[in-house]
Each structure stands twice: as structure tokens, then as C-alpha cells.
Amino acid sequence: MPAQFTILLVDDNPDVADILKRVSSQSFPEVHYVQVNNFTEASRYLDDLEGLGPNIVLLDVNLQTEPGGLEFLTQMRKHPVVCLVPIIILTGITSKALALEAYRRGANAFTIKPFDYGDWKAYVNDLRTFWFLTATVPRLYFGG
């Protein structure tokens, strides 16, 4: 089990990053979030990265910029390294059709954003239990 667990959060709502960090400080202290607002920032981060990459990506499919979250997912699944990183959809949209499309494009999980603090705590606990304590997540190196 690694000492630190990095999550790339692709979400244009700063409140999501704020609540994830606040909840995680108590229930997932091993996590470090890298928050970007859109596809361009995420691509720049991944292209410039030297060393260990994110363990997982939390991706909002309802980004208010182009390309949107599903297109980002499609592009990341074509990337020679990022294609191996688990990508978890984190969205406020409850749609079976959207969930199926996300899985078709390579999502590893489709999750709904919680709306109150207690639900965020449960969400982060579940993230930690499965992705940090249970699953074997690849440790991928980027750059040189």
C-alpha cells in the first residue's frame, strides 16, 4: 500500500475540490488531490508530469468547456500511459444512458456526486476502501 495516493480531479466546480479535501483530511489522509478545471489543464498536467502519475482520475462529465468530460475520457483512453489509470466518473447527472456511454468509452466506474456532507464522507470512505485498500492500482511513471 503506497504512503500517498494521488487523485487527479477534473471538475470545473471549485466547491467539489474543497469538500473532497475537507472530508479527506479526516477520512483519507493518504490522498493528495490535483485539481484541474478542464481537458486543456488536465492534458497540460499529464504532458508536463515527470515521475509518478495519478493513481486514479475523478472526472466530471458535465464540464462547461469543450471538449467535455466524455470526450476527455475518450482521449485519455488513447493515451499510452493514462489508458491504464482508472477513471471514475463523478457527476451530478443521474442517467442510465450517460452511464452506459461512459462505460462504453472506458470509464471504470460511474458515480453520482453527493449533495450533503455526510454523503461526501461516505463517498470518500468508499473511495479509500476500494481504490486504496482493496484494488491493485498501477503505479505509473510519466515523462523521461
C-alpha atoms as a PDB file:
ATOM      1  CA  MET A   1       0.000   0.000   0.000  1.00  0.00           C
ATOM      2  CA  PRO A   2       1.569   3.337  -1.029  1.00  0.00           C
ATOM      3  CA  ALA A   3       2.103   6.066   1.562  1.00  0.00           C
ATOM      4  CA  GLN A   4       0.453   8.606  -0.703  1.00  0.00           C
ATOM      5  CA  PHE A   5      -2.422   8.221  -3.147  1.00  0.00           C
ATOM      6  CA  THR A   6      -2.854  10.852  -5.863  1.00  0.00           C
ATOM      7  CA  ILE A   7      -6.219  11.633  -7.404  1.00  0.00           C
ATOM      8  CA  LEU A   8      -6.460  13.819 -10.484  1.00  0.00           C
ATOM      9  CA  LEU A   9      -9.764  15.665 -10.086  1.00  0.00           C
ATOM     10  CA  VAL A  10     -11.126  17.058 -13.352  1.00  0.00           C
ATOM     11  CA  ASP A  11     -14.010  19.274 -12.288  1.00  0.00           C
ATOM     12  CA  ASP A  12     -14.742  22.930 -13.007  1.00  0.00           C
ATOM     13  CA  ASN A  13     -16.617  23.421  -9.727  1.00  0.00           C
ATOM     14  CA  PRO A  14     -14.145  24.550  -7.015  1.00  0.00           C
ATOM     15  CA  ASP A  15     -16.637  23.555  -4.305  1.00  0.00           C
ATOM     16  CA  VAL A  16     -16.154  19.888  -5.225  1.00  0.00           C
ATOM     17  CA  ALA A  17     -12.394  20.096  -4.696  1.00  0.00           C
ATOM     18  CA  ASP A  18     -12.924  21.980  -1.445  1.00  0.00           C
ATOM     19  CA  ILE A  19     -15.314  19.452   0.082  1.00  0.00           C
ATOM     20  CA  LEU A  20     -13.245  16.477  -1.083  1.00  0.00           C
ATOM     21  CA  LYS A  21     -10.159  17.945   0.579  1.00  0.00           C
ATOM     22  CA  ARG A  22     -12.012  18.787   3.803  1.00  0.00           C
ATOM     23  CA  VAL A  23     -13.607  15.344   4.097  1.00  0.00           C
ATOM     24  CA  SER A  24     -10.407  13.557   3.100  1.00  0.00           C
ATOM     25  CA  SER A  25      -8.330  15.336   5.729  1.00  0.00           C
ATOM     26  CA  GLN A  26     -10.210  13.234   8.292  1.00  0.00           C
ATOM     27  CA  SER A  27     -11.084  10.019   6.493  1.00  0.00           C
ATOM     28  CA  PHE A  28      -8.463   9.600   3.731  1.00  0.00           C
ATOM     29  CA  PRO A  29      -5.266  11.295   4.966  1.00  0.00           C
ATOM     30  CA  GLU A  30      -3.111   9.462   2.406  1.00  0.00           C
ATOM     31  CA  VAL A  31      -4.785  11.243  -0.518  1.00  0.00           C
ATOM     32  CA  HIS A  32      -3.374  14.173  -2.446  1.00  0.00           C
ATOM     33  CA  TYR A  33      -5.677  15.882  -4.951  1.00  0.00           C
ATOM     34  CA  VAL A  34      -4.506  17.571  -8.115  1.00  0.00           C
ATOM     35  CA  GLN A  35      -7.464  19.649  -9.278  1.00  0.00           C
ATOM     36  CA  VAL A  36      -7.824  20.909 -12.841  1.00  0.00           C
ATOM     37  CA  ASN A  37     -10.813  22.628 -14.409  1.00  0.00           C
ATOM     38  CA  ASN A  38     -10.916  21.222 -17.926  1.00  0.00           C
ATOM     39  CA  PHE A  39      -9.480  19.000 -20.630  1.00  0.00           C
ATOM     40  CA  THR A  40      -6.750  21.507 -21.557  1.00  0.00           C
ATOM     41  CA  GLU A  41      -5.461  21.823 -17.985  1.00  0.00           C
ATOM     42  CA  ALA A  42      -5.601  18.052 -17.473  1.00  0.00           C
ATOM     43  CA  SER A  43      -3.715  17.409 -20.705  1.00  0.00           C
ATOM     44  CA  ARG A  44      -1.079  20.008 -19.790  1.00  0.00           C
ATOM     45  CA  TYR A  45      -0.671  18.475 -16.324  1.00  0.00           C
ATOM     46  CA  LEU A  46      -0.246  14.961 -17.737  1.00  0.00           C
ATOM     47  CA  ASP A  47       2.080  16.095 -20.546  1.00  0.00           C
ATOM     48  CA  ASP A  48       4.320  18.018 -18.121  1.00  0.00           C
ATOM     49  CA  LEU A  49       4.314  15.331 -15.434  1.00  0.00           C
ATOM     50  CA  GLU A  50       7.685  13.808 -14.541  1.00  0.00           C
ATOM     51  CA  GLY A  51       7.559  10.836 -12.199  1.00  0.00           C
ATOM     52  CA  LEU A  52       4.662   9.050 -10.561  1.00  0.00           C
ATOM     53  CA  GLY A  53       1.294   9.844 -12.049  1.00  0.00           C
ATOM     54  CA  PRO A  54      -2.152   9.871 -10.507  1.00  0.00           C
ATOM     55  CA  ASN A  55      -3.474   6.640  -9.043  1.00  0.00           C
ATOM     56  CA  ILE A  56      -6.996   7.394 -10.260  1.00  0.00           C
ATOM     57  CA  VAL A  57      -8.888  10.150 -12.056  1.00  0.00           C
ATOM     58  CA  LEU A  58     -12.197  11.567 -10.829  1.00  0.00           C
ATOM     59  CA  LEU A  59     -13.884  13.076 -13.873  1.00  0.00           C
ATOM     60  CA  ASP A  60     -16.975  15.256 -14.070  1.00  0.00           C
ATOM     61  CA  VAL A  61     -18.664  14.558 -17.408  1.00  0.00           C
ATOM     62  CA  ASN A  62     -20.571  17.838 -17.276  1.00  0.00           C
ATOM     63  CA  LEU A  63     -17.620  20.176 -17.811  1.00  0.00           C
ATOM     64  CA  GLN A  64     -18.726  23.592 -19.052  1.00  0.00           C
ATOM     65  CA  THR A  65     -15.885  23.759 -21.584  1.00  0.00           C
ATOM     66  CA  GLU A  66     -15.119  21.984 -24.813  1.00  0.00           C
ATOM     67  CA  PRO A  67     -14.230  19.245 -25.112  1.00  0.00           C
ATOM     68  CA  GLY A  68     -16.483  17.891 -22.401  1.00  0.00           C
ATOM     69  CA  GLY A  69     -15.935  15.076 -19.968  1.00  0.00           C
ATOM     70  CA  LEU A  70     -16.881  12.204 -22.268  1.00  0.00           C
ATOM     71  CA  GLU A  71     -14.534  13.445 -24.981  1.00  0.00           C
ATOM     72  CA  PHE A  72     -11.806  13.789 -22.346  1.00  0.00           C
ATOM     73  CA  LEU A  73     -12.464  10.182 -21.334  1.00  0.00           C
ATOM     74  CA  THR A  74     -12.181   9.041 -24.956  1.00  0.00           C
ATOM     75  CA  GLN A  75      -8.894  10.910 -25.439  1.00  0.00           C
ATOM     76  CA  MET A  76      -7.403   9.610 -22.198  1.00  0.00           C
ATOM     77  CA  ARG A  77      -8.147   6.035 -23.199  1.00  0.00           C
ATOM     78  CA  LYS A  78      -5.989   6.633 -26.309  1.00  0.00           C
ATOM     79  CA  HIS A  79      -3.022   7.945 -24.273  1.00  0.00           C
ATOM     80  CA  PRO A  80      -0.210   5.352 -23.970  1.00  0.00           C
ATOM     81  CA  VAL A  81       0.083   5.700 -20.174  1.00  0.00           C
ATOM     82  CA  VAL A  82      -3.173   7.265 -18.974  1.00  0.00           C
ATOM     83  CA  CYS A  83      -5.113   4.438 -20.633  1.00  0.00           C
ATOM     84  CA  LEU A  84      -4.044   2.315 -17.644  1.00  0.00           C
ATOM     85  CA  VAL A  85      -5.232   4.751 -14.954  1.00  0.00           C
ATOM     86  CA  PRO A  86      -8.685   4.003 -13.508  1.00  0.00           C
ATOM     87  CA  ILE A  87     -11.110   6.794 -14.438  1.00  0.00           C
ATOM     88  CA  ILE A  88     -14.132   7.238 -12.205  1.00  0.00           C
ATOM     89  CA  ILE A  89     -16.966   9.417 -13.401  1.00  0.00           C
ATOM     90  CA  LEU A  90     -18.177  11.794 -10.680  1.00  0.00           C
ATOM     91  CA  THR A  91     -21.279  13.609 -11.862  1.00  0.00           C
ATOM     92  CA  GLY A  92     -24.473  15.206 -10.680  1.00  0.00           C
ATOM     93  CA  ILE A  93     -26.371  13.694 -13.604  1.00  0.00           C
ATOM     94  CA  THR A  94     -28.345  10.525 -12.924  1.00  0.00           C
ATOM     95  CA  SER A  95     -28.792   8.999 -16.351  1.00  0.00           C
ATOM     96  CA  LYS A  96     -28.538   5.336 -17.276  1.00  0.00           C
ATOM     97  CA  ALA A  97     -27.831   6.308 -20.890  1.00  0.00           C
ATOM     98  CA  LEU A  98     -24.956   8.553 -19.806  1.00  0.00           C
ATOM     99  CA  ALA A  99     -23.588   5.829 -17.541  1.00  0.00           C
ATOM    100  CA  LEU A 100     -23.664   3.303 -20.385  1.00  0.00           C
ATOM    101  CA  GLU A 101     -21.922   5.757 -22.712  1.00  0.00           C
ATOM    102  CA  ALA A 102     -19.245   6.437 -20.105  1.00  0.00           C
ATOM    103  CA  TYR A 103     -18.601   2.711 -19.686  1.00  0.00           C
ATOM    104  CA  ARG A 104     -18.549   2.281 -23.462  1.00  0.00           C
ATOM    105  CA  ARG A 105     -15.829   4.915 -23.648  1.00  0.00           C
ATOM    106  CA  GLY A 106     -13.739   3.238 -20.963  1.00  0.00           C
ATOM    107  CA  ALA A 107     -14.844   4.503 -17.550  1.00  0.00           C
ATOM    108  CA  ASN A 108     -14.024   2.180 -14.670  1.00  0.00           C
ATOM    109  CA  ALA A 109     -16.913   3.411 -12.522  1.00  0.00           C
ATOM    110  CA  PHE A 110     -19.843   5.823 -12.758  1.00  0.00           C
ATOM    111  CA  THR A 111     -20.685   7.602  -9.503  1.00  0.00           C
ATOM    112  CA  ILE A 112     -23.135  10.330  -8.535  1.00  0.00           C
ATOM    113  CA  LYS A 113     -21.925  13.424  -6.666  1.00  0.00           C
ATOM    114  CA  PRO A 114     -23.180  13.512  -3.109  1.00  0.00           C
ATOM    115  CA  PHE A 115     -25.133  16.562  -2.028  1.00  0.00           C
ATOM    116  CA  ASP A 116     -24.550  16.765   1.723  1.00  0.00           C
ATOM    117  CA  TYR A 117     -21.514  16.491   3.957  1.00  0.00           C
ATOM    118  CA  GLY A 118     -22.445  13.088   5.386  1.00  0.00           C
ATOM    119  CA  ASP A 119     -22.831  11.609   1.919  1.00  0.00           C
ATOM    120  CA  TRP A 120     -19.469  13.092   0.861  1.00  0.00           C
ATOM    121  CA  LYS A 121     -17.877  11.406   3.898  1.00  0.00           C
ATOM    122  CA  ALA A 122     -19.387   8.072   2.867  1.00  0.00           C
ATOM    123  CA  TYR A 123     -18.230   8.613  -0.736  1.00  0.00           C
ATOM    124  CA  VAL A 124     -14.638   9.331   0.325  1.00  0.00           C
ATOM    125  CA  ASN A 125     -14.661   6.358   2.712  1.00  0.00           C
ATOM    126  CA  ASP A 126     -15.823   4.138  -0.143  1.00  0.00           C
ATOM    127  CA  LEU A 127     -13.103   5.556  -2.442  1.00  0.00           C
ATOM    128  CA  ARG A 128     -10.471   4.809   0.183  1.00  0.00           C
ATOM    129  CA  THR A 129     -11.783   1.339   0.983  1.00  0.00           C
ATOM    130  CA  PHE A 130     -11.946   0.173  -2.611  1.00  0.00           C
ATOM    131  CA  TRP A 131      -9.307   2.101  -4.575  1.00  0.00           C
ATOM    132  CA  PHE A 132      -6.671   2.493  -1.830  1.00  0.00           C
ATOM    133  CA  LEU A 133      -7.116  -0.526   0.451  1.00  0.00           C
ATOM    134  CA  THR A 134      -8.621  -3.206  -1.801  1.00  0.00           C
ATOM    135  CA  ALA A 135      -7.854  -2.729  -5.501  1.00  0.00           C
ATOM    136  CA  THR A 136      -4.428  -3.061  -7.038  1.00  0.00           C
ATOM    137  CA  VAL A 137      -3.940   0.230  -8.848  1.00  0.00           C
ATOM    138  CA  PRO A 138      -0.982   0.577 -11.233  1.00  0.00           C
ATOM    139  CA  ARG A 139       1.846   2.917 -10.184  1.00  0.00           C
ATOM    140  CA  LEU A 140       2.642   4.614 -13.464  1.00  0.00           C
ATOM    141  CA  TYR A 141       5.587   6.834 -14.311  1.00  0.00           C
ATOM    142  CA  PHE A 142       5.255   9.740 -16.702  1.00  0.00           C
ATOM    143  CA  GLY A 143       7.932  11.549 -18.649  1.00  0.00           C
ATOM    144  CA  GLY A 144      11.543  10.555 -19.295  1.00  0.00           C
END
